[in-house]
Amino acid sequence: MEDHSSFKISQLAEADRPREKLLLKGKSSLSDAELIAILIGSGSTTLSAVDLSRHILSSVNHDLFSLARLSVQDLKKFKGIGEAKAISIIAALEIGRRRKDSEPVQKPKITSSQDVYNLMKAELADESVEYFYLVLLSRSNQVIKKHLISKGGTAGTVVDSKLIFKSALDYLAQSMILVHNHPSGNLKPSEQDKRLTERLVKIGRELDLPVLDHVIFTDLGYFSFADEGLI
């Protein structure tokens, strides 16, 4: 297999250079014209995609806000821009506008077992069968994802330790909290719960991906292995 990192951008066809530059140097290294060139893919018979993009930007004094106000018909006036390319440009600028207008969602931060219990109420309250979840955390203990591992019966659920750590690694988690519910309302961990927790804590230490807590959820309260000194 060829190593694309050995290619020089200058050796590539003009149409491929923005894509390769993005891969090698990152999206922030591209000019506005190069980003638009990626959207349209190809230029006209006389202009490359990058040069055509520069021509379009020049017509609006390189102002992206002005570019966003152009219609499909306005863009189609440029030789080499058909309806599909015009729509691609308009759609991309609209996504950018919506992203700018939307407020970033503040991810919850876990500071206690009570935070875990409150976080999982939406998933586990009033359930009649047992579920096993991972709460995957960032380095600052912000929640990356609530990830369902398994669903079982009223008496228990099967948990695969390989699947647990694969999921954590897939989401680039820095640590995790185990959560499962007891539909019976019994807050006491079973011997199976204890053995599973001990095994997963040990694997987490070896992988430098710590298990911070295991919370048993019931509708009336919870049990925290960490709070009880069992982790």
Protein backbone atom coordinates (compact mmCIF):
# COMPACT_ATOMS: atom_id res chain seq x y z
CA MET A 1 0.00 0.00 0.00
CA GLU A 2 1.33 3.45 -0.90
CA ASP A 3 2.11 5.94 1.84
CA HIS A 4 0.25 9.13 0.91
CA SER A 5 2.23 11.08 3.49
CA SER A 6 5.26 10.83 1.21
CA PHE A 7 3.52 12.77 -1.56
CA LYS A 8 4.24 16.46 -2.02
CA ILE A 9 1.13 18.53 -2.51
CA SER A 10 2.77 20.30 -5.46
CA GLN A 11 3.03 16.96 -7.28
CA LEU A 12 -0.72 16.40 -7.25
CA ALA A 13 -3.26 17.40 -9.86
CA GLU A 14 -4.72 20.80 -9.03
CA ALA A 15 -8.17 19.33 -8.33
CA ASP A 16 -6.74 16.95 -5.72
CA ARG A 17 -4.54 19.40 -3.86
CA PRO A 18 -7.13 20.86 -1.42
CA ARG A 19 -8.27 17.39 -0.36
CA GLU A 20 -4.73 16.18 0.18
CA LYS A 21 -3.81 19.38 1.99
CA LEU A 22 -6.74 18.87 4.35
CA LEU A 23 -5.62 15.31 5.07
CA LEU A 24 -1.96 16.23 5.58
CA LYS A 25 -2.21 19.62 7.29
CA GLY A 26 -5.75 19.81 8.68
CA LYS A 27 -8.84 21.77 7.72
CA SER A 28 -7.63 25.07 9.19
CA SER A 29 -4.72 25.15 6.74
CA LEU A 30 -7.05 25.58 3.74
CA SER A 31 -8.01 28.94 2.29
CA ASP A 32 -11.67 29.81 1.66
CA ALA A 33 -11.11 29.15 -2.04
CA GLU A 34 -9.65 25.72 -1.35
CA LEU A 35 -12.60 24.79 0.88
CA ILE A 36 -15.07 25.83 -1.81
CA ALA A 37 -13.01 23.91 -4.38
CA ILE A 38 -13.54 20.74 -2.34
CA LEU A 39 -17.29 21.39 -2.42
CA ILE A 40 -17.50 21.86 -6.19
CA GLY A 41 -14.98 19.13 -7.04
CA SER A 42 -14.01 20.43 -10.48
CA GLY A 43 -13.69 23.71 -12.31
CA SER A 44 -14.43 24.76 -15.87
CA THR A 45 -12.57 24.02 -19.10
CA THR A 46 -10.33 27.02 -18.49
CA LEU A 47 -10.16 27.26 -14.71
CA SER A 48 -9.26 24.74 -12.01
CA ALA A 49 -11.66 24.25 -9.11
CA VAL A 50 -9.45 26.44 -6.90
CA ASP A 51 -9.18 29.21 -9.50
CA LEU A 52 -12.93 29.11 -10.14
CA SER A 53 -13.52 29.37 -6.38
CA ARG A 54 -11.16 32.35 -6.21
CA HIS A 55 -13.11 33.97 -9.05
CA ILE A 56 -16.41 33.49 -7.21
CA LEU A 57 -14.97 34.89 -3.97
CA SER A 58 -13.48 37.85 -5.78
CA SER A 59 -16.93 38.75 -7.08
CA VAL A 60 -18.15 39.23 -3.50
CA ASN A 61 -14.92 40.89 -2.25
CA HIS A 62 -13.97 37.67 -0.44
CA ASP A 63 -16.86 38.18 1.98
CA LEU A 64 -18.45 34.85 2.97
CA PHE A 65 -21.55 36.62 4.28
CA SER A 66 -22.11 38.11 0.83
CA LEU A 67 -21.43 34.74 -0.77
CA ALA A 68 -24.09 33.17 1.46
CA ARG A 69 -26.66 35.62 0.08
CA LEU A 70 -26.18 34.44 -3.51
CA SER A 71 -28.93 32.28 -4.98
CA VAL A 72 -28.57 29.18 -7.11
CA GLN A 73 -29.20 31.31 -10.19
CA ASP A 74 -26.55 33.84 -9.10
CA LEU A 75 -23.95 31.10 -8.75
CA LYS A 76 -24.88 29.43 -12.03
CA LYS A 77 -23.77 32.60 -13.83
CA PHE A 78 -20.16 31.50 -13.23
CA LYS A 79 -18.90 29.23 -15.99
CA GLY A 80 -18.33 25.79 -14.52
CA ILE A 81 -20.98 26.12 -11.81
CA GLY A 82 -24.10 24.14 -12.53
CA GLU A 83 -27.11 23.60 -10.33
CA ALA A 84 -25.58 20.75 -8.30
CA LYS A 85 -22.41 22.71 -7.49
CA ALA A 86 -24.41 25.82 -6.63
CA ILE A 87 -26.59 23.81 -4.25
CA SER A 88 -23.49 22.31 -2.60
CA ILE A 89 -22.08 25.78 -1.91
CA ILE A 90 -25.38 27.10 -0.55
CA ALA A 91 -25.94 24.03 1.64
CA ALA A 92 -22.43 24.23 3.13
CA LEU A 93 -22.80 27.92 3.96
CA GLU A 94 -26.21 27.29 5.52
CA ILE A 95 -24.75 24.56 7.75
CA GLY A 96 -22.08 27.03 8.83
CA ARG A 97 -24.73 29.64 9.63
CA ARG A 98 -26.77 27.18 11.70
CA ARG A 99 -23.69 26.04 13.59
CA LYS A 100 -22.83 29.65 14.43
CA ASP A 101 -26.39 30.38 15.56
CA SER A 102 -26.73 27.29 17.73
CA GLU A 103 -25.57 27.30 21.32
CA PRO A 104 -23.00 24.65 22.25
CA VAL A 105 -24.59 21.99 24.43
CA GLN A 106 -22.95 21.96 27.83
CA LYS A 107 -22.05 18.39 28.63
CA PRO A 108 -22.89 17.35 32.17
CA LYS A 109 -20.00 16.85 34.55
CA ILE A 110 -19.86 14.02 37.06
CA THR A 111 -18.67 15.04 40.53
CA SER A 112 -20.51 12.47 42.68
CA SER A 113 -22.53 9.28 42.61
CA GLN A 114 -25.67 11.41 42.97
CA ASP A 115 -24.79 13.04 39.63
CA VAL A 116 -24.64 9.57 38.05
CA TYR A 117 -28.01 8.62 39.53
CA ASN A 118 -29.66 11.81 38.28
CA LEU A 119 -28.04 11.39 34.85
CA MET A 120 -29.42 7.87 34.40
CA LYS A 121 -33.00 8.48 35.56
CA ALA A 122 -34.20 9.10 32.00
CA GLU A 123 -32.89 5.71 30.87
CA LEU A 124 -33.56 3.51 33.90
CA ALA A 125 -36.51 4.84 35.89
CA ASP A 126 -39.55 2.52 35.94
CA GLU A 127 -37.81 -0.21 33.91
CA SER A 128 -38.94 -3.79 34.56
CA VAL A 129 -35.85 -5.50 33.11
CA GLU A 130 -32.17 -5.05 33.81
CA TYR A 131 -29.95 -2.77 31.69
CA PHE A 132 -26.20 -2.30 31.87
CA TYR A 133 -24.77 1.09 30.81
CA LEU A 134 -21.40 2.75 30.61
CA VAL A 135 -21.07 6.42 31.42
CA LEU A 136 -18.00 7.41 29.40
CA LEU A 137 -16.08 10.41 30.69
CA SER A 138 -13.52 12.90 29.41
CA ARG A 139 -10.36 13.85 31.28
CA SER A 140 -12.34 16.56 33.11
CA ASN A 141 -15.12 14.07 33.99
CA GLN A 142 -17.59 15.49 31.48
CA VAL A 143 -19.99 12.94 30.04
CA ILE A 144 -19.03 11.86 26.53
CA LYS A 145 -21.80 9.30 26.16
CA LYS A 146 -24.26 7.08 28.00
CA HIS A 147 -23.64 3.79 26.21
CA LEU A 148 -25.93 0.76 26.52
CA ILE A 149 -23.94 -2.47 26.76
CA SER A 150 -26.68 -5.02 27.32
CA LYS A 151 -30.32 -5.59 28.19
CA GLY A 152 -31.46 -8.67 30.07
CA GLY A 153 -34.34 -10.06 32.06
CA THR A 154 -35.67 -9.33 35.51
CA ALA A 155 -32.91 -11.43 37.10
CA GLY A 156 -29.84 -10.06 35.31
CA THR A 157 -28.01 -9.28 32.11
CA VAL A 158 -24.90 -10.66 30.43
CA VAL A 159 -21.91 -8.31 30.32
CA ASP A 160 -18.94 -8.79 27.98
CA SER A 161 -15.81 -7.11 29.38
CA LYS A 162 -14.19 -6.95 25.92
CA LEU A 163 -17.19 -5.03 24.58
CA ILE A 164 -17.04 -2.61 27.51
CA PHE A 165 -13.44 -1.58 26.93
CA LYS A 166 -13.79 -1.57 23.14
CA SER A 167 -16.67 0.89 23.49
CA ALA A 168 -14.67 3.10 25.84
CA LEU A 169 -11.70 3.14 23.48
CA ASP A 170 -13.90 3.80 20.43
CA TYR A 171 -15.24 6.97 22.08
CA LEU A 172 -11.79 8.02 23.35
CA ALA A 173 -13.00 7.95 26.95
CA GLN A 174 -10.49 8.72 29.69
CA SER A 175 -12.46 6.91 32.40
CA MET A 176 -15.84 5.28 32.90
CA ILE A 177 -18.58 4.54 35.38
CA LEU A 178 -20.60 1.32 35.30
CA VAL A 179 -24.33 1.56 35.87
CA HIS A 180 -26.99 -1.12 36.00
CA ASN A 181 -30.45 -1.25 37.48
CA HIS A 182 -32.14 -3.68 39.84
CA PRO A 183 -35.82 -3.84 38.81
CA SER A 184 -36.56 -5.57 42.12
CA GLY A 185 -35.59 -2.43 44.01
CA ASN A 186 -32.89 -4.29 45.96
CA LEU A 187 -29.95 -1.96 46.56
CA LYS A 188 -27.58 -4.68 47.71
CA PRO A 189 -25.00 -5.75 45.09
CA SER A 190 -24.99 -9.45 44.27
CA GLU A 191 -21.85 -11.56 44.42
CA GLN A 192 -21.90 -11.52 40.63
CA ASP A 193 -22.00 -7.69 40.69
CA LYS A 194 -18.99 -7.66 43.01
CA ARG A 195 -16.96 -10.12 40.91
CA LEU A 196 -17.74 -8.25 37.71
CA THR A 197 -16.77 -4.91 39.23
CA GLU A 198 -13.51 -6.31 40.60
CA ARG A 199 -12.62 -7.78 37.21
CA LEU A 200 -13.42 -4.62 35.26
CA VAL A 201 -11.55 -2.39 37.72
CA LYS A 202 -8.48 -4.60 37.32
CA ILE A 203 -8.65 -4.52 33.51
CA GLY A 204 -9.15 -0.75 33.60
CA ARG A 205 -6.00 -0.27 35.65
CA GLU A 206 -4.00 -2.36 33.18
CA LEU A 207 -5.33 -0.34 30.23
CA ASP A 208 -4.96 3.03 32.00
CA LEU A 209 -8.71 3.45 31.52
CA PRO A 210 -10.00 3.53 35.10
CA VAL A 211 -13.41 2.41 36.28
CA LEU A 212 -14.33 5.15 38.76
CA ASP A 213 -17.54 3.70 40.14
CA HIS A 214 -20.27 1.12 39.70
CA VAL A 215 -23.72 2.45 40.51
CA ILE A 216 -26.70 0.17 41.09
CA PHE A 217 -29.84 2.06 40.18
CA THR A 218 -33.33 1.58 41.63
CA ASP A 219 -36.35 3.86 41.46
CA LEU A 220 -36.02 4.63 45.17
CA GLY A 221 -32.28 5.10 45.46
CA TYR A 222 -28.88 3.79 44.49
CA PHE A 223 -25.78 1.96 45.68
CA SER A 224 -22.31 3.27 44.82
CA PHE A 225 -19.31 0.95 44.99
CA ALA A 226 -17.01 3.98 45.24
CA ASP A 227 -18.96 5.56 48.09
CA GLU A 228 -18.85 2.28 50.00
CA GLY A 229 -15.10 1.90 49.50
CA LEU A 230 -15.42 -1.13 47.23
CA ILE A 231 -13.44 0.46 44.38
